[in-house]
């Protein structure tokens, strides 16, 4: 997850924490981290990743809400052409970032669905467990590193043809 949570308001995070508690999450210690020493995708691990995904989603939605509020509050009425161009460029960059995050939301929702169906943590190609380290780094991962590398090599080859 990005450092955007630190930019978001504390009340948004507390509100999300309250929502998670209301959902009846498994009560995990604050310092819980999945370990190779426990059964793969046990209830604690599933709750941990579900929580991370839900918090990430809430963070993205909060940022989108802040962007929308900023767009409504600040009209693009810069008198100087250079200032106006700079403001429009900044806005375009912000909107591109929000579009990438919109696509990321779909991947987060798909990961949450995989948790519900019992498919989370397993490679969609090989069916093998995805390493906990990979899931920590990219909770929306759908393939093992090996399968992802093969997929990317195949994409490069097909693009080069």
N, C-alpha and C. Protein backbone atom coordinates (compact mmCIF):
# COMPACT_ATOMS: atom_id res chain seq x y z
N UNK A 1 0.83 -1.18 0.00
CA UNK A 1 0.00 0.00 0.00
C UNK A 1 0.87 1.23 0.00
N UNK A 2 0.34 2.29 -0.49
CA UNK A 2 1.11 3.53 -0.58
C UNK A 2 1.14 4.25 0.76
N UNK A 3 1.89 5.34 0.77
CA UNK A 3 1.92 6.16 1.97
C UNK A 3 0.74 7.10 2.02
N UNK A 4 -0.20 6.93 1.12
CA UNK A 4 -1.34 7.83 1.06
C UNK A 4 -2.17 7.77 2.34
N UNK A 5 -2.11 6.63 3.03
CA UNK A 5 -2.88 6.54 4.27
C UNK A 5 -2.43 7.62 5.25
N UNK A 6 -1.13 7.90 5.24
CA UNK A 6 -0.63 8.93 6.15
C UNK A 6 -1.14 10.31 5.74
N UNK A 7 -1.47 10.49 4.45
CA UNK A 7 -2.02 11.76 4.00
C UNK A 7 -3.51 11.86 4.29
N UNK A 8 -4.17 10.69 4.37
CA UNK A 8 -5.61 10.68 4.61
C UNK A 8 -5.90 11.10 6.03
N UNK A 9 -7.15 11.36 6.29
CA UNK A 9 -7.50 11.79 7.64
C UNK A 9 -7.54 10.59 8.56
N UNK A 10 -7.19 10.80 9.79
CA UNK A 10 -7.23 9.75 10.78
C UNK A 10 -8.63 9.23 10.99
N UNK A 11 -9.62 10.11 10.84
CA UNK A 11 -11.00 9.67 11.04
C UNK A 11 -11.43 8.69 9.97
N UNK A 12 -10.92 8.84 8.72
CA UNK A 12 -11.24 7.88 7.67
C UNK A 12 -10.74 6.49 8.04
N UNK A 13 -9.52 6.43 8.55
CA UNK A 13 -8.93 5.14 8.92
C UNK A 13 -9.68 4.55 10.11
N UNK A 14 -10.00 5.37 11.10
CA UNK A 14 -10.76 4.88 12.25
C UNK A 14 -12.14 4.39 11.82
N UNK A 15 -12.76 5.11 10.89
CA UNK A 15 -14.06 4.72 10.37
C UNK A 15 -13.95 3.36 9.68
N UNK A 16 -12.92 3.16 8.89
CA UNK A 16 -12.71 1.89 8.21
C UNK A 16 -12.47 0.78 9.22
N UNK A 17 -11.67 1.06 10.24
CA UNK A 17 -11.42 0.07 11.30
C UNK A 17 -12.74 -0.33 11.96
N UNK A 18 -13.63 0.64 12.19
CA UNK A 18 -14.92 0.35 12.80
C UNK A 18 -15.76 -0.54 11.89
N UNK A 19 -15.72 -0.26 10.60
CA UNK A 19 -16.46 -1.08 9.63
C UNK A 19 -15.93 -2.51 9.66
N UNK A 20 -14.61 -2.65 9.68
CA UNK A 20 -14.02 -3.99 9.72
C UNK A 20 -14.44 -4.74 10.99
N UNK A 21 -14.45 -4.04 12.11
CA UNK A 21 -14.85 -4.66 13.36
C UNK A 21 -16.31 -5.11 13.29
N UNK A 22 -17.14 -4.29 12.68
CA UNK A 22 -18.56 -4.61 12.57
C UNK A 22 -18.80 -5.81 11.66
N UNK A 23 -17.87 -6.07 10.74
CA UNK A 23 -18.02 -7.20 9.84
C UNK A 23 -17.73 -8.54 10.53
N UNK A 24 -17.29 -8.48 11.76
CA UNK A 24 -17.03 -9.71 12.49
C UNK A 24 -15.70 -10.35 12.09
N UNK A 25 -14.72 -9.52 11.81
CA UNK A 25 -13.40 -10.02 11.46
C UNK A 25 -12.85 -10.88 12.59
N UNK A 26 -11.99 -11.84 12.20
CA UNK A 26 -11.25 -12.60 13.18
C UNK A 26 -10.42 -11.60 13.96
N UNK A 27 -10.41 -11.73 15.26
CA UNK A 27 -9.68 -10.78 16.10
C UNK A 27 -8.19 -11.08 16.02
N UNK A 28 -7.49 -10.27 15.21
CA UNK A 28 -6.06 -10.47 15.01
C UNK A 28 -5.28 -9.49 15.87
N UNK A 29 -4.17 -9.93 16.43
CA UNK A 29 -3.30 -8.98 17.13
C UNK A 29 -2.79 -7.93 16.15
N UNK A 30 -2.54 -6.74 16.63
CA UNK A 30 -2.10 -5.63 15.77
C UNK A 30 -0.80 -5.96 15.04
N UNK A 31 0.06 -6.77 15.66
CA UNK A 31 1.35 -7.08 15.06
C UNK A 31 1.35 -8.42 14.31
N UNK A 32 0.17 -9.00 14.06
CA UNK A 32 0.10 -10.29 13.37
C UNK A 32 0.64 -10.18 11.95
N UNK A 33 1.47 -11.14 11.57
CA UNK A 33 1.96 -11.28 10.21
C UNK A 33 1.86 -12.76 9.86
N UNK A 34 1.36 -13.09 8.68
CA UNK A 34 1.30 -14.50 8.29
C UNK A 34 2.69 -15.12 8.32
N UNK A 35 2.73 -16.38 8.68
CA UNK A 35 4.00 -17.07 8.82
C UNK A 35 3.96 -18.39 8.06
N UNK A 36 5.12 -18.80 7.58
CA UNK A 36 5.25 -20.10 6.90
C UNK A 36 5.04 -21.25 7.89
N UNK A 37 5.10 -20.94 9.20
CA UNK A 37 4.98 -21.97 10.24
C UNK A 37 3.54 -22.37 10.52
N UNK A 38 2.58 -21.70 9.91
CA UNK A 38 1.17 -22.02 10.14
C UNK A 38 0.55 -22.54 8.85
N UNK A 39 -0.58 -23.22 8.95
CA UNK A 39 -1.21 -23.74 7.74
C UNK A 39 -1.52 -22.61 6.75
N UNK A 40 -1.27 -22.88 5.45
CA UNK A 40 -1.46 -21.89 4.41
C UNK A 40 -2.93 -21.52 4.29
N UNK A 41 -3.20 -20.23 4.25
CA UNK A 41 -4.54 -19.64 4.10
C UNK A 41 -5.52 -20.14 5.16
N UNK A 42 -5.00 -20.20 6.39
CA UNK A 42 -5.87 -20.51 7.53
C UNK A 42 -6.74 -19.28 7.81
N UNK A 43 -7.72 -19.37 8.71
CA UNK A 43 -8.60 -18.23 8.96
C UNK A 43 -7.88 -16.94 9.35
N UNK A 44 -6.79 -17.04 10.10
CA UNK A 44 -6.04 -15.83 10.47
C UNK A 44 -5.41 -15.17 9.24
N UNK A 45 -4.80 -15.98 8.38
CA UNK A 45 -4.19 -15.42 7.17
C UNK A 45 -5.25 -14.80 6.26
N UNK A 46 -6.35 -15.49 6.09
CA UNK A 46 -7.42 -14.95 5.25
C UNK A 46 -7.95 -13.63 5.82
N UNK A 47 -8.14 -13.60 7.14
CA UNK A 47 -8.62 -12.37 7.77
C UNK A 47 -7.59 -11.25 7.62
N UNK A 48 -6.32 -11.60 7.75
CA UNK A 48 -5.25 -10.61 7.60
C UNK A 48 -5.27 -9.99 6.20
N UNK A 49 -5.32 -10.82 5.18
CA UNK A 49 -5.30 -10.30 3.81
C UNK A 49 -6.62 -9.59 3.47
N UNK A 50 -7.71 -10.09 3.98
CA UNK A 50 -9.00 -9.41 3.75
C UNK A 50 -8.96 -8.01 4.34
N UNK A 51 -8.43 -7.93 5.54
CA UNK A 51 -8.31 -6.64 6.22
C UNK A 51 -7.42 -5.69 5.42
N UNK A 52 -6.26 -6.18 4.96
CA UNK A 52 -5.35 -5.34 4.17
C UNK A 52 -6.04 -4.84 2.90
N UNK A 53 -6.75 -5.74 2.24
CA UNK A 53 -7.43 -5.36 1.00
C UNK A 53 -8.53 -4.33 1.26
N UNK A 54 -9.30 -4.54 2.31
CA UNK A 54 -10.38 -3.60 2.63
C UNK A 54 -9.83 -2.22 3.03
N UNK A 55 -8.74 -2.21 3.78
CA UNK A 55 -8.13 -0.94 4.16
C UNK A 55 -7.56 -0.23 2.93
N UNK A 56 -6.95 -0.99 2.03
CA UNK A 56 -6.40 -0.43 0.80
C UNK A 56 -7.53 0.17 -0.05
N UNK A 57 -8.63 -0.56 -0.14
CA UNK A 57 -9.78 -0.07 -0.90
C UNK A 57 -10.33 1.21 -0.29
N UNK A 58 -10.46 1.24 1.03
CA UNK A 58 -10.97 2.43 1.71
C UNK A 58 -10.04 3.61 1.50
N UNK A 59 -8.74 3.36 1.50
CA UNK A 59 -7.74 4.41 1.27
C UNK A 59 -7.91 5.00 -0.13
N UNK A 60 -8.06 4.14 -1.13
CA UNK A 60 -8.22 4.60 -2.51
C UNK A 60 -9.52 5.39 -2.67
N UNK A 61 -10.60 4.88 -2.08
CA UNK A 61 -11.88 5.59 -2.18
C UNK A 61 -11.81 6.95 -1.47
N UNK A 62 -11.09 7.01 -0.36
CA UNK A 62 -10.91 8.28 0.35
C UNK A 62 -10.13 9.28 -0.49
N UNK A 63 -9.10 8.81 -1.17
CA UNK A 63 -8.32 9.69 -2.04
C UNK A 63 -9.18 10.19 -3.20
N UNK A 64 -10.00 9.31 -3.76
CA UNK A 64 -10.88 9.71 -4.86
C UNK A 64 -11.88 10.75 -4.39
N UNK A 65 -12.40 10.57 -3.19
CA UNK A 65 -13.34 11.54 -2.62
C UNK A 65 -12.67 12.89 -2.42
N UNK A 66 -11.42 12.87 -1.96
CA UNK A 66 -10.68 14.12 -1.76
C UNK A 66 -10.41 14.81 -3.09
N UNK A 67 -10.08 14.03 -4.12
CA UNK A 67 -9.86 14.62 -5.45
C UNK A 67 -11.13 15.26 -5.97
N UNK A 68 -12.24 14.57 -5.81
CA UNK A 68 -13.52 15.11 -6.27
C UNK A 68 -13.86 16.40 -5.53
N UNK A 69 -13.64 16.43 -4.23
CA UNK A 69 -13.92 17.64 -3.45
C UNK A 69 -13.02 18.78 -3.91
N UNK A 70 -11.77 18.46 -4.19
CA UNK A 70 -10.83 19.49 -4.66
C UNK A 70 -11.27 20.04 -6.02
N UNK A 71 -11.73 19.17 -6.90
CA UNK A 71 -12.19 19.62 -8.22
C UNK A 71 -13.41 20.53 -8.10
N UNK A 72 -14.28 20.21 -7.17
CA UNK A 72 -15.47 21.04 -6.98
C UNK A 72 -15.13 22.38 -6.34
N UNK A 73 -14.13 22.39 -5.48
CA UNK A 73 -13.80 23.60 -4.72
C UNK A 73 -12.93 24.58 -5.48
N UNK A 74 -12.11 24.09 -6.40
CA UNK A 74 -11.14 24.95 -7.07
C UNK A 74 -11.47 25.10 -8.55
N UNK A 75 -12.11 26.18 -8.95
CA UNK A 75 -12.37 26.38 -10.38
C UNK A 75 -11.07 26.69 -11.11
N UNK A 76 -11.00 26.24 -12.36
CA UNK A 76 -9.80 26.47 -13.17
C UNK A 76 -9.89 27.86 -13.80
N UNK A 77 -9.64 28.88 -13.01
CA UNK A 77 -9.73 30.25 -13.51
C UNK A 77 -8.44 31.00 -13.23
N UNK A 78 -7.33 30.43 -13.68
CA UNK A 78 -6.04 31.08 -13.52
C UNK A 78 -5.94 32.20 -14.56
N UNK A 79 -5.63 33.41 -14.15
CA UNK A 79 -5.54 34.51 -15.12
C UNK A 79 -4.33 34.38 -16.06
N UNK A 80 -3.23 33.84 -15.57
CA UNK A 80 -2.02 33.71 -16.36
C UNK A 80 -2.05 32.39 -17.13
N UNK A 81 -1.74 32.42 -18.42
CA UNK A 81 -1.79 31.23 -19.27
C UNK A 81 -0.82 30.14 -18.78
N UNK A 82 0.34 30.55 -18.30
CA UNK A 82 1.32 29.58 -17.79
C UNK A 82 0.80 28.90 -16.54
N UNK A 83 0.21 29.68 -15.63
CA UNK A 83 -0.36 29.10 -14.41
C UNK A 83 -1.51 28.16 -14.76
N UNK A 84 -2.34 28.56 -15.73
CA UNK A 84 -3.47 27.74 -16.13
C UNK A 84 -2.97 26.41 -16.72
N UNK A 85 -1.94 26.48 -17.57
CA UNK A 85 -1.37 25.27 -18.17
C UNK A 85 -0.80 24.35 -17.10
N UNK A 86 -0.13 24.94 -16.13
CA UNK A 86 0.45 24.15 -15.04
C UNK A 86 -0.65 23.47 -14.23
N UNK A 87 -1.71 24.21 -13.93
CA UNK A 87 -2.83 23.66 -13.17
C UNK A 87 -3.50 22.53 -13.95
N UNK A 88 -3.69 22.73 -15.25
CA UNK A 88 -4.31 21.70 -16.08
C UNK A 88 -3.44 20.45 -16.17
N UNK A 89 -2.13 20.63 -16.23
CA UNK A 89 -1.22 19.49 -16.27
C UNK A 89 -1.30 18.72 -14.96
N UNK A 90 -1.28 19.45 -13.83
CA UNK A 90 -1.40 18.79 -12.53
C UNK A 90 -2.71 18.02 -12.44
N UNK A 91 -3.78 18.61 -12.93
CA UNK A 91 -5.09 17.96 -12.91
C UNK A 91 -5.09 16.70 -13.76
N UNK A 92 -4.49 16.77 -14.94
CA UNK A 92 -4.43 15.61 -15.82
C UNK A 92 -3.65 14.46 -15.17
N UNK A 93 -2.56 14.79 -14.50
CA UNK A 93 -1.77 13.77 -13.80
C UNK A 93 -2.60 13.15 -12.68
N UNK A 94 -3.29 13.98 -11.92
CA UNK A 94 -4.14 13.49 -10.83
C UNK A 94 -5.24 12.57 -11.36
N UNK A 95 -5.86 12.96 -12.46
CA UNK A 95 -6.94 12.16 -13.01
C UNK A 95 -6.42 10.83 -13.58
N UNK A 96 -5.22 10.83 -14.16
CA UNK A 96 -4.63 9.57 -14.63
C UNK A 96 -4.36 8.64 -13.46
N UNK A 97 -3.87 9.21 -12.36
CA UNK A 97 -3.62 8.41 -11.17
C UNK A 97 -4.92 7.82 -10.64
N UNK A 98 -5.97 8.59 -10.62
CA UNK A 98 -7.28 8.09 -10.16
C UNK A 98 -7.80 7.00 -11.08
N UNK A 99 -7.54 7.12 -12.39
CA UNK A 99 -7.98 6.08 -13.33
C UNK A 99 -7.24 4.78 -13.06
N UNK A 100 -5.94 4.86 -12.78
CA UNK A 100 -5.18 3.65 -12.43
C UNK A 100 -5.74 3.04 -11.14
N UNK A 101 -6.08 3.90 -10.19
CA UNK A 101 -6.64 3.40 -8.94
C UNK A 101 -8.01 2.78 -9.14
N UNK A 102 -8.79 3.31 -10.10
CA UNK A 102 -10.10 2.73 -10.40
C UNK A 102 -9.91 1.29 -10.89
N UNK A 103 -8.91 1.08 -11.73
CA UNK A 103 -8.62 -0.27 -12.21
C UNK A 103 -8.13 -1.15 -11.07
N UNK A 104 -7.36 -0.56 -10.17
CA UNK A 104 -6.87 -1.30 -9.01
C UNK A 104 -8.02 -1.74 -8.11
N UNK A 105 -9.05 -0.90 -7.99
CA UNK A 105 -10.22 -1.26 -7.18
C UNK A 105 -10.86 -2.55 -7.69
N UNK A 106 -10.94 -2.70 -9.00
CA UNK A 106 -11.51 -3.92 -9.58
C UNK A 106 -10.67 -5.14 -9.19
N UNK A 107 -9.34 -4.98 -9.17
CA UNK A 107 -8.47 -6.08 -8.78
C UNK A 107 -8.61 -6.39 -7.29
N UNK A 108 -8.79 -5.36 -6.48
CA UNK A 108 -8.99 -5.58 -5.04
C UNK A 108 -10.30 -6.32 -4.82
N UNK A 109 -11.36 -5.89 -5.51
CA UNK A 109 -12.65 -6.57 -5.39
C UNK A 109 -12.55 -8.04 -5.83
N UNK A 110 -11.78 -8.29 -6.90
CA UNK A 110 -11.60 -9.67 -7.36
C UNK A 110 -10.85 -10.50 -6.30
N UNK A 111 -9.86 -9.89 -5.65
CA UNK A 111 -9.12 -10.60 -4.60
C UNK A 111 -10.03 -10.89 -3.41
N UNK A 112 -10.88 -9.94 -3.04
CA UNK A 112 -11.83 -10.17 -1.95
C UNK A 112 -12.80 -11.30 -2.31
N UNK A 113 -13.21 -11.35 -3.56
CA UNK A 113 -14.09 -12.43 -4.03
C UNK A 113 -13.37 -13.77 -3.94
N UNK A 114 -12.07 -13.80 -4.30
CA UNK A 114 -11.31 -15.04 -4.20
C UNK A 114 -11.18 -15.49 -2.75
N UNK A 115 -11.11 -14.54 -1.82
CA UNK A 115 -11.08 -14.92 -0.40
C UNK A 115 -12.39 -15.62 -0.04
N UNK A 116 -13.50 -15.05 -0.49
CA UNK A 116 -14.82 -15.62 -0.18
C UNK A 116 -15.00 -17.01 -0.78
N UNK A 117 -14.44 -17.24 -1.98
CA UNK A 117 -14.62 -18.52 -2.65
C UNK A 117 -13.55 -19.54 -2.31
N UNK A 118 -12.55 -19.13 -1.50
CA UNK A 118 -11.50 -20.06 -1.10
C UNK A 118 -10.38 -20.20 -2.12
N UNK A 119 -10.34 -19.33 -3.12
CA UNK A 119 -9.31 -19.40 -4.15
C UNK A 119 -8.14 -18.47 -3.89
N UNK A 120 -8.26 -17.60 -2.89
CA UNK A 120 -7.22 -16.61 -2.63
C UNK A 120 -5.93 -17.30 -2.19
N UNK A 121 -4.82 -16.79 -2.72
CA UNK A 121 -3.50 -17.30 -2.32
C UNK A 121 -3.00 -18.42 -3.20
N UNK A 122 -3.82 -18.85 -4.15
CA UNK A 122 -3.42 -19.93 -5.04
C UNK A 122 -3.32 -19.41 -6.47
N UNK A 123 -2.30 -19.87 -7.19
CA UNK A 123 -2.02 -19.43 -8.55
C UNK A 123 -3.17 -19.83 -9.48
N UNK A 124 -3.65 -18.88 -10.26
CA UNK A 124 -4.74 -19.17 -11.18
C UNK A 124 -4.28 -20.03 -12.35
N UNK A 125 -2.98 -20.14 -12.57
CA UNK A 125 -2.44 -20.96 -13.66
C UNK A 125 -2.11 -22.37 -13.18
N UNK A 126 -1.30 -22.46 -12.13
CA UNK A 126 -0.81 -23.76 -11.68
C UNK A 126 -1.59 -24.33 -10.50
N UNK A 127 -2.30 -23.49 -9.78
CA UNK A 127 -3.00 -23.96 -8.58
C UNK A 127 -2.10 -24.05 -7.36
N UNK A 128 -0.83 -23.75 -7.52
CA UNK A 128 0.13 -23.81 -6.41
C UNK A 128 -0.06 -22.60 -5.49
N UNK A 129 0.32 -22.75 -4.22
CA UNK A 129 0.24 -21.59 -3.32
C UNK A 129 1.18 -20.46 -3.77
N UNK A 130 0.69 -19.25 -3.68
CA UNK A 130 1.50 -18.06 -3.94
C UNK A 130 2.23 -17.76 -2.64
N UNK A 131 3.50 -17.45 -2.71
CA UNK A 131 4.27 -17.25 -1.48
C UNK A 131 3.68 -16.11 -0.64
N UNK A 132 3.78 -16.25 0.66
CA UNK A 132 3.29 -15.21 1.57
C UNK A 132 4.03 -13.90 1.33
N UNK A 133 5.33 -13.99 1.03
CA UNK A 133 6.10 -12.77 0.77
C UNK A 133 5.52 -12.03 -0.45
N UNK A 134 5.15 -12.77 -1.48
CA UNK A 134 4.56 -12.14 -2.67
C UNK A 134 3.20 -11.53 -2.34
N UNK A 135 2.40 -12.24 -1.56
CA UNK A 135 1.08 -11.70 -1.19
C UNK A 135 1.22 -10.48 -0.28
N UNK A 136 2.25 -10.47 0.55
CA UNK A 136 2.50 -9.28 1.39
C UNK A 136 2.83 -8.08 0.50
N UNK A 137 3.67 -8.32 -0.52
CA UNK A 137 4.09 -7.24 -1.39
C UNK A 137 2.98 -6.83 -2.35
N UNK A 138 2.18 -7.78 -2.80
CA UNK A 138 1.13 -7.51 -3.79
C UNK A 138 -0.08 -8.37 -3.43
N UNK A 139 -0.92 -7.89 -2.51
CA UNK A 139 -2.06 -8.70 -2.05
C UNK A 139 -3.06 -9.06 -3.14
N UNK A 140 -2.98 -8.43 -4.31
CA UNK A 140 -3.89 -8.75 -5.40
C UNK A 140 -3.29 -9.76 -6.38
N UNK A 141 -2.11 -10.30 -6.05
CA UNK A 141 -1.44 -11.25 -6.94
C UNK A 141 -2.34 -12.45 -7.22
N UNK A 142 -2.33 -12.88 -8.49
CA UNK A 142 -3.13 -14.05 -8.87
C UNK A 142 -2.26 -15.20 -9.36
N UNK A 143 -0.94 -14.96 -9.46
CA UNK A 143 -0.03 -15.99 -9.95
C UNK A 143 1.23 -16.04 -9.08
N UNK A 144 1.84 -17.21 -9.06
CA UNK A 144 3.15 -17.31 -8.42
C UNK A 144 4.13 -16.48 -9.24
N UNK A 145 5.27 -16.20 -8.67
CA UNK A 145 6.28 -15.41 -9.39
C UNK A 145 6.69 -16.14 -10.67
N UNK A 146 6.86 -17.46 -10.59
CA UNK A 146 7.27 -18.22 -11.76
C UNK A 146 6.22 -18.13 -12.86
N UNK A 147 4.95 -18.30 -12.52
CA UNK A 147 3.88 -18.23 -13.51
C UNK A 147 3.77 -16.81 -14.08
N UNK A 148 3.96 -15.81 -13.24
CA UNK A 148 3.90 -14.42 -13.70
C UNK A 148 5.04 -14.14 -14.69
N UNK A 149 6.23 -14.64 -14.38
CA UNK A 149 7.37 -14.44 -15.28
C UNK A 149 7.12 -15.12 -16.62
N UNK A 150 6.60 -16.37 -16.61
CA UNK A 150 6.28 -17.06 -17.86
C UNK A 150 5.23 -16.27 -18.65
N UNK A 151 4.23 -15.76 -17.96
CA UNK A 151 3.16 -14.98 -18.59
C UNK A 151 3.73 -13.72 -19.25
N UNK A 152 4.60 -13.02 -18.53
CA UNK A 152 5.20 -11.80 -19.07
C UNK A 152 6.12 -12.09 -20.24
N UNK A 153 6.88 -13.20 -20.19
CA UNK A 153 7.73 -13.58 -21.33
C UNK A 153 6.86 -13.87 -22.55
N UNK A 154 5.77 -14.59 -22.36
CA UNK A 154 4.88 -14.92 -23.46
C UNK A 154 4.25 -13.65 -24.05
N UNK A 155 3.90 -12.69 -23.18
CA UNK A 155 3.36 -11.41 -23.67
C UNK A 155 4.38 -10.67 -24.51
N UNK A 156 5.65 -10.65 -24.05
CA UNK A 156 6.70 -9.95 -24.81
C UNK A 156 6.90 -10.59 -26.17
N UNK A 157 6.90 -11.93 -26.20
CA UNK A 157 7.11 -12.65 -27.45
C UNK A 157 5.96 -12.34 -28.42
N UNK A 158 4.72 -12.37 -27.92
CA UNK A 158 3.56 -12.11 -28.80
C UNK A 158 3.53 -10.65 -29.26
N UNK A 159 4.02 -9.74 -28.43
CA UNK A 159 4.09 -8.32 -28.82
C UNK A 159 5.14 -8.09 -29.89
N UNK A 160 6.24 -8.84 -29.78
CA UNK A 160 7.35 -8.66 -30.71
C UNK A 160 7.07 -9.26 -32.09
N UNK A 161 6.10 -10.17 -32.17
CA UNK A 161 5.78 -10.81 -33.46
C UNK A 161 5.09 -9.88 -34.42
